[in-house]
């Protein structure tokens, strides 16, 4: 039985990971009492006694936690932004390529992809890889997410019975084009330019839809049907799957794949203007579900164990 420690178990992602693995017979959870959750010495001892450590922490705290590791048996799975673009860390999206999957299998340091970034990268990486887009492509990304992506503070704001009435409508944010996921989106796809990124938070708990619009003239080859065929061949597994459509009657809801740990990829539009679509849950394939998938790979367990697909 493998020992697992969740550093930051009181946060949204940490709680979801805890719920998914607490009753598993193949792992034993190391749990610190509340008064020691932020105690550095207690955390360090827990980290080094574990086989797998999930970091569900702010970036600086995640870096500190990694510095605590002294045992070479510890596999760290970091859900923060801190290590996602570092070459010595595996990027935790095995469906992108055989190389990504092998690096996760072999690595003791795994960075969980960001929620918005997961959809963008799932859509754009295959087009760069297969030569449909140049690395200097100028791209745009629209994303709508449930409010749980903002963490405990935002959840409390949305669930307050006396909340600000402006929260009743969708709200666009990161207007200064400095969102923390941009570096990851650019680096993992091998892009020379960060995309214009328009994230929107809305009044539902969890779920996510990411859209990357393209003019057909941006493609170096092929068109909409070739892109569909590319995704269909690449994404045929349980976790990421191409489907002919994720909308209902021409309407795509942010809840279309909520409460699941999978991602649906679709293509809409026409031969002139193409919409690349990713539908998933910001707490599923966009966070805790992806983290548990990485743990299953690292432990050699059934990859779908503990997950809802």
Protein backbone atom coordinates (compact mmCIF):
# COMPACT_ATOMS: atom_id res chain seq x y z
CA UNK A 1 0.00 0.00 0.00
CA UNK A 2 1.35 3.41 -1.00
CA UNK A 3 1.29 6.39 1.35
CA UNK A 4 -0.15 9.66 0.03
CA UNK A 5 0.04 13.14 1.55
CA UNK A 6 -2.01 16.11 0.32
CA UNK A 7 -0.24 19.36 1.24
CA UNK A 8 -3.00 21.94 1.05
CA UNK A 9 -5.86 19.50 1.61
CA UNK A 10 -8.22 22.24 2.83
CA UNK A 11 -8.32 24.00 -0.54
CA UNK A 12 -10.77 23.31 -3.35
CA UNK A 13 -8.46 21.06 -5.38
CA UNK A 14 -7.07 19.33 -2.28
CA UNK A 15 -10.53 18.55 -0.95
CA UNK A 16 -11.60 17.07 -4.28
CA UNK A 17 -8.48 14.88 -4.40
CA UNK A 18 -9.11 13.75 -0.82
CA UNK A 19 -12.72 12.83 -1.62
CA UNK A 20 -11.63 10.77 -4.64
CA UNK A 21 -8.93 8.71 -2.90
CA UNK A 22 -10.00 8.54 0.77
CA UNK A 23 -11.69 5.15 0.37
CA UNK A 24 -9.17 3.55 -1.98
CA UNK A 25 -7.76 0.27 -0.77
CA UNK A 26 -4.41 0.77 -2.51
CA UNK A 27 -3.38 3.99 -0.76
CA UNK A 28 -3.03 5.19 2.82
CA UNK A 29 -3.58 8.89 3.43
CA UNK A 30 -1.25 10.79 5.73
CA UNK A 31 -3.38 13.43 7.44
CA UNK A 32 -2.02 16.15 9.71
CA UNK A 33 -4.18 17.53 12.55
CA UNK A 34 -5.58 20.99 11.84
CA UNK A 35 -3.13 22.71 14.16
CA UNK A 36 -0.17 21.29 12.20
CA UNK A 37 -1.42 21.80 8.64
CA UNK A 38 0.82 24.86 8.20
CA UNK A 39 3.64 23.73 10.47
CA UNK A 40 6.79 23.45 8.35
CA UNK A 41 8.39 20.67 10.39
CA UNK A 42 5.22 18.56 10.39
CA UNK A 43 4.73 19.08 6.66
CA UNK A 44 8.34 18.15 5.93
CA UNK A 45 8.03 14.94 7.94
CA UNK A 46 4.79 14.02 6.17
CA UNK A 47 6.25 14.76 2.75
CA UNK A 48 9.26 12.53 3.30
CA UNK A 49 7.23 9.66 4.70
CA UNK A 50 4.96 9.56 1.62
CA UNK A 51 5.27 7.80 -1.71
CA UNK A 52 3.14 10.44 -3.45
CA UNK A 53 2.69 14.06 -2.40
CA UNK A 54 0.05 16.31 -3.92
CA UNK A 55 0.80 20.03 -3.66
CA UNK A 56 -2.42 22.07 -3.65
CA UNK A 57 -0.77 25.31 -2.62
CA UNK A 58 0.07 28.83 -3.84
CA UNK A 59 3.19 28.94 -6.00
CA UNK A 60 5.68 30.05 -3.35
CA UNK A 61 4.40 27.50 -0.85
CA UNK A 62 4.66 24.79 -3.51
CA UNK A 63 8.29 25.70 -4.17
CA UNK A 64 8.95 25.57 -0.42
CA UNK A 65 7.31 22.15 -0.18
CA UNK A 66 9.55 20.80 -2.97
CA UNK A 67 12.59 22.06 -1.07
CA UNK A 68 11.49 19.89 1.87
CA UNK A 69 11.88 16.67 -0.15
CA UNK A 70 14.84 14.60 1.01
CA UNK A 71 13.65 11.08 0.20
CA UNK A 72 14.28 9.84 -3.33
CA UNK A 73 11.14 7.68 -3.19
CA UNK A 74 8.78 10.67 -3.12
CA UNK A 75 6.80 11.50 -6.26
CA UNK A 76 5.57 15.11 -6.19
CA UNK A 77 2.43 16.04 -8.12
CA UNK A 78 2.10 19.82 -8.09
CA UNK A 79 -1.24 21.46 -8.90
CA UNK A 80 0.16 25.01 -8.68
CA UNK A 81 1.60 27.13 -11.48
CA UNK A 82 5.11 26.96 -10.04
CA UNK A 83 6.66 24.14 -12.08
CA UNK A 84 4.58 23.72 -15.24
CA UNK A 85 7.14 25.06 -17.71
CA UNK A 86 10.30 23.65 -16.13
CA UNK A 87 12.07 21.07 -18.34
CA UNK A 88 12.93 18.79 -15.43
CA UNK A 89 9.25 18.41 -14.53
CA UNK A 90 6.86 16.17 -16.44
CA UNK A 91 3.82 17.99 -17.79
CA UNK A 92 0.82 16.04 -16.55
CA UNK A 93 -1.18 15.67 -19.78
CA UNK A 94 -0.33 12.17 -21.05
CA UNK A 95 -2.79 12.33 -23.94
CA UNK A 96 -0.70 14.95 -25.74
CA UNK A 97 1.94 12.49 -26.91
CA UNK A 98 3.73 9.24 -26.14
CA UNK A 99 6.64 11.33 -24.93
CA UNK A 100 4.47 13.13 -22.38
CA UNK A 101 3.10 9.84 -21.11
CA UNK A 102 6.55 8.27 -20.81
CA UNK A 103 7.95 11.26 -18.94
CA UNK A 104 5.10 11.09 -16.41
CA UNK A 105 5.74 7.37 -15.96
CA UNK A 106 9.43 7.90 -15.32
CA UNK A 107 9.40 11.17 -13.38
CA UNK A 108 9.32 11.95 -9.67
CA UNK A 109 8.20 15.50 -10.43
CA UNK A 110 4.88 16.02 -12.22
CA UNK A 111 3.17 19.37 -12.83
CA UNK A 112 -0.62 19.29 -13.20
CA UNK A 113 -1.84 21.48 -16.11
CA UNK A 114 -3.81 24.65 -15.44
CA UNK A 115 -7.56 24.52 -15.95
CA UNK A 116 -7.85 27.04 -18.82
CA UNK A 117 -4.54 25.92 -20.27
CA UNK A 118 -5.69 22.29 -20.46
CA UNK A 119 -8.35 23.06 -23.06
CA UNK A 120 -6.22 25.42 -25.11
CA UNK A 121 -3.26 23.03 -25.19
CA UNK A 122 -5.45 20.01 -26.01
CA UNK A 123 -6.75 21.93 -29.03
CA UNK A 124 -3.60 23.69 -30.27
CA UNK A 125 -0.76 21.25 -29.50
CA UNK A 126 -1.89 18.66 -32.12
CA UNK A 127 -2.14 21.34 -34.82
CA UNK A 128 1.41 22.54 -34.15
CA UNK A 129 2.69 18.97 -33.87
CA UNK A 130 1.13 17.92 -37.19
CA UNK A 131 2.14 21.07 -39.06
CA UNK A 132 -1.32 22.59 -39.48
CA UNK A 133 -0.27 25.78 -37.68
CA UNK A 134 3.01 27.68 -37.65
CA UNK A 135 4.67 28.24 -34.29
CA UNK A 136 4.37 31.99 -34.88
CA UNK A 137 0.56 31.76 -35.27
CA UNK A 138 -1.43 34.59 -33.69
CA UNK A 139 -4.25 32.90 -31.79
CA UNK A 140 -7.19 33.83 -29.60
CA UNK A 141 -8.72 31.81 -26.78
CA UNK A 142 -12.10 32.27 -25.11
CA UNK A 143 -12.86 30.35 -21.92
CA UNK A 144 -15.85 30.21 -19.58
CA UNK A 145 -15.51 28.57 -16.18
CA UNK A 146 -17.49 27.91 -13.05
CA UNK A 147 -16.70 30.02 -10.02
CA UNK A 148 -15.00 27.19 -8.09
CA UNK A 149 -11.92 27.89 -10.22
CA UNK A 150 -11.40 31.02 -8.15
CA UNK A 151 -10.89 29.08 -4.91
CA UNK A 152 -12.45 29.46 -1.50
CA UNK A 153 -12.71 33.25 -1.56
CA UNK A 154 -14.57 33.36 -4.86
CA UNK A 155 -16.79 30.43 -3.87
CA UNK A 156 -17.79 32.33 -0.71
CA UNK A 157 -18.54 35.46 -2.74
CA UNK A 158 -20.80 33.61 -5.17
CA UNK A 159 -22.59 31.61 -2.47
CA UNK A 160 -23.21 34.60 -0.16
CA UNK A 161 -26.94 35.28 0.00
CA UNK A 162 -26.15 39.02 0.11
CA UNK A 163 -23.70 38.89 -2.77
CA UNK A 164 -22.93 41.68 -5.20
CA UNK A 165 -25.66 41.61 -7.91
CA UNK A 166 -22.97 41.95 -10.60
CA UNK A 167 -22.15 38.30 -9.91
CA UNK A 168 -25.49 37.35 -11.47
CA UNK A 169 -23.99 37.86 -14.92
CA UNK A 170 -20.83 36.38 -16.52
CA UNK A 171 -17.70 38.40 -15.77
CA UNK A 172 -14.65 38.61 -18.00
CA UNK A 173 -11.31 38.96 -16.21
CA UNK A 174 -7.53 39.07 -16.79
CA UNK A 175 -8.19 42.11 -18.97
CA UNK A 176 -4.53 43.14 -18.86
CA UNK A 177 -3.54 39.96 -20.77
CA UNK A 178 -1.25 38.81 -17.94
CA UNK A 179 -3.09 35.65 -16.85
CA UNK A 180 -0.78 33.16 -15.16
CA UNK A 181 -1.72 30.37 -17.61
CA UNK A 182 -0.40 32.25 -20.66
CA UNK A 183 3.21 31.23 -20.07
CA UNK A 184 2.17 27.58 -19.91
CA UNK A 185 -0.09 27.80 -22.97
CA UNK A 186 2.73 29.28 -25.01
CA UNK A 187 5.52 27.03 -23.76
CA UNK A 188 3.80 23.63 -23.92
CA UNK A 189 2.46 24.25 -27.43
CA UNK A 190 5.81 25.60 -28.61
CA UNK A 191 4.25 28.90 -29.69
CA UNK A 192 6.34 31.98 -30.29
CA UNK A 193 3.48 34.28 -29.26
CA UNK A 194 1.08 34.04 -26.34
CA UNK A 195 -2.58 34.01 -27.45
CA UNK A 196 -5.06 36.76 -26.77
CA UNK A 197 -6.86 35.19 -23.82
CA UNK A 198 -10.42 36.07 -22.75
CA UNK A 199 -11.46 34.08 -19.63
CA UNK A 200 -14.96 34.48 -18.20
CA UNK A 201 -16.24 33.34 -14.81
CA UNK A 202 -19.96 32.65 -14.48
CA UNK A 203 -22.60 31.73 -11.92
CA UNK A 204 -22.24 27.94 -11.82
CA UNK A 205 -20.03 25.90 -9.51
CA UNK A 206 -17.88 23.88 -11.90
CA UNK A 207 -17.58 23.15 -15.58
CA UNK A 208 -15.64 24.70 -18.42
CA UNK A 209 -15.69 25.40 -22.13
CA UNK A 210 -12.64 26.61 -24.06
CA UNK A 211 -12.89 27.91 -27.63
CA UNK A 212 -10.04 28.65 -30.04
CA UNK A 213 -11.33 30.34 -33.23
CA UNK A 214 -9.38 30.04 -36.48
CA UNK A 215 -9.63 31.46 -39.95
CA UNK A 216 -9.03 28.67 -42.44
CA UNK A 217 -6.41 30.95 -44.01
CA UNK A 218 -4.29 30.53 -40.85
CA UNK A 219 -3.82 26.83 -41.63
CA UNK A 220 -0.70 25.75 -43.49
CA UNK A 221 -2.63 22.83 -44.95
CA UNK A 222 -6.01 21.13 -44.86
CA UNK A 223 -9.28 22.48 -43.54
CA UNK A 224 -12.05 21.73 -41.09
CA UNK A 225 -12.51 18.09 -42.08
CA UNK A 226 -8.81 17.36 -41.81
CA UNK A 227 -8.74 18.88 -38.32
CA UNK A 228 -11.66 16.71 -37.26
CA UNK A 229 -9.85 13.63 -38.56
CA UNK A 230 -6.68 14.64 -36.73
CA UNK A 231 -8.47 15.00 -33.38
CA UNK A 232 -10.46 11.82 -33.95
CA UNK A 233 -7.25 9.83 -34.43
CA UNK A 234 -5.39 11.48 -31.55
CA UNK A 235 -8.13 11.62 -28.94
CA UNK A 236 -9.88 8.26 -28.83
CA UNK A 237 -9.26 7.33 -25.19
CA UNK A 238 -11.27 7.51 -21.99
CA UNK A 239 -9.87 10.80 -20.73
CA UNK A 240 -9.82 12.94 -23.85
CA UNK A 241 -12.15 12.03 -26.68
CA UNK A 242 -13.12 13.62 -29.96
CA UNK A 243 -16.89 13.82 -30.49
CA UNK A 244 -18.87 15.12 -33.43
CA UNK A 245 -20.53 17.75 -31.25
CA UNK A 246 -20.75 18.89 -27.62
CA UNK A 247 -23.60 21.34 -28.13
CA UNK A 248 -27.35 20.84 -27.79
CA UNK A 249 -29.29 22.41 -30.63
CA UNK A 250 -26.44 24.77 -31.44
CA UNK A 251 -25.96 25.88 -27.81
CA UNK A 252 -22.85 24.90 -25.85
CA UNK A 253 -23.18 24.98 -22.07
CA UNK A 254 -20.33 25.35 -19.61
CA UNK A 255 -21.97 22.43 -17.79
CA UNK A 256 -21.79 20.08 -20.79
CA UNK A 257 -19.09 17.91 -19.19
CA UNK A 258 -19.32 19.04 -15.56
CA UNK A 259 -18.72 16.65 -12.65
CA UNK A 260 -16.52 14.44 -14.83
CA UNK A 261 -12.78 13.88 -15.13
CA UNK A 262 -12.81 13.57 -18.91
CA UNK A 263 -12.60 16.11 -21.73
CA UNK A 264 -14.59 16.25 -24.94
CA UNK A 265 -13.02 17.79 -28.05
CA UNK A 266 -15.16 19.00 -30.95
CA UNK A 267 -14.92 21.16 -34.06
CA UNK A 268 -17.62 23.54 -35.33
CA UNK A 269 -17.88 26.34 -37.85
CA UNK A 270 -17.36 26.07 -41.59
CA UNK A 271 -14.66 25.99 -44.25
CA UNK A 272 -13.84 29.68 -43.70
CA UNK A 273 -14.17 30.14 -39.91
CA UNK A 274 -13.44 27.22 -37.60
CA UNK A 275 -14.17 26.82 -33.89
CA UNK A 276 -12.04 24.40 -31.88
CA UNK A 277 -13.93 23.37 -28.72
CA UNK A 278 -12.97 21.68 -25.45
CA UNK A 279 -15.58 20.83 -22.82
CA UNK A 280 -14.60 19.58 -19.36
CA UNK A 281 -14.73 20.36 -15.64
CA UNK A 282 -12.32 22.88 -14.17
CA UNK A 283 -12.07 20.67 -11.06
CA UNK A 284 -11.89 17.45 -13.10
CA UNK A 285 -9.56 17.19 -16.10
CA UNK A 286 -8.74 20.81 -15.29
CA UNK A 287 -7.37 20.08 -11.79
CA UNK A 288 -7.95 17.24 -9.32
CA UNK A 289 -9.02 14.64 -11.88
CA UNK A 290 -5.83 15.25 -13.87
CA UNK A 291 -3.79 15.03 -10.66
CA UNK A 292 -5.27 11.67 -9.74
CA UNK A 293 -4.77 10.37 -13.28
CA UNK A 294 -1.08 11.28 -12.92
CA UNK A 295 -0.91 9.50 -9.56
CA UNK A 296 -2.44 6.37 -11.07
CA UNK A 297 0.18 6.41 -13.82
CA UNK A 298 3.00 6.99 -11.33
CA UNK A 299 1.82 4.12 -9.12
CA UNK A 300 1.14 1.75 -12.00
CA UNK A 301 -2.54 1.59 -10.97
CA UNK A 302 -5.53 1.36 -13.28
CA UNK A 303 -5.55 4.80 -14.89
CA UNK A 304 -9.28 5.35 -14.43
CA UNK A 305 -9.29 4.28 -10.77
CA UNK A 306 -11.20 6.72 -8.56
CA UNK A 307 -12.28 8.88 -11.48
CA UNK A 308 -15.60 9.69 -13.16
CA UNK A 309 -15.41 9.56 -16.94
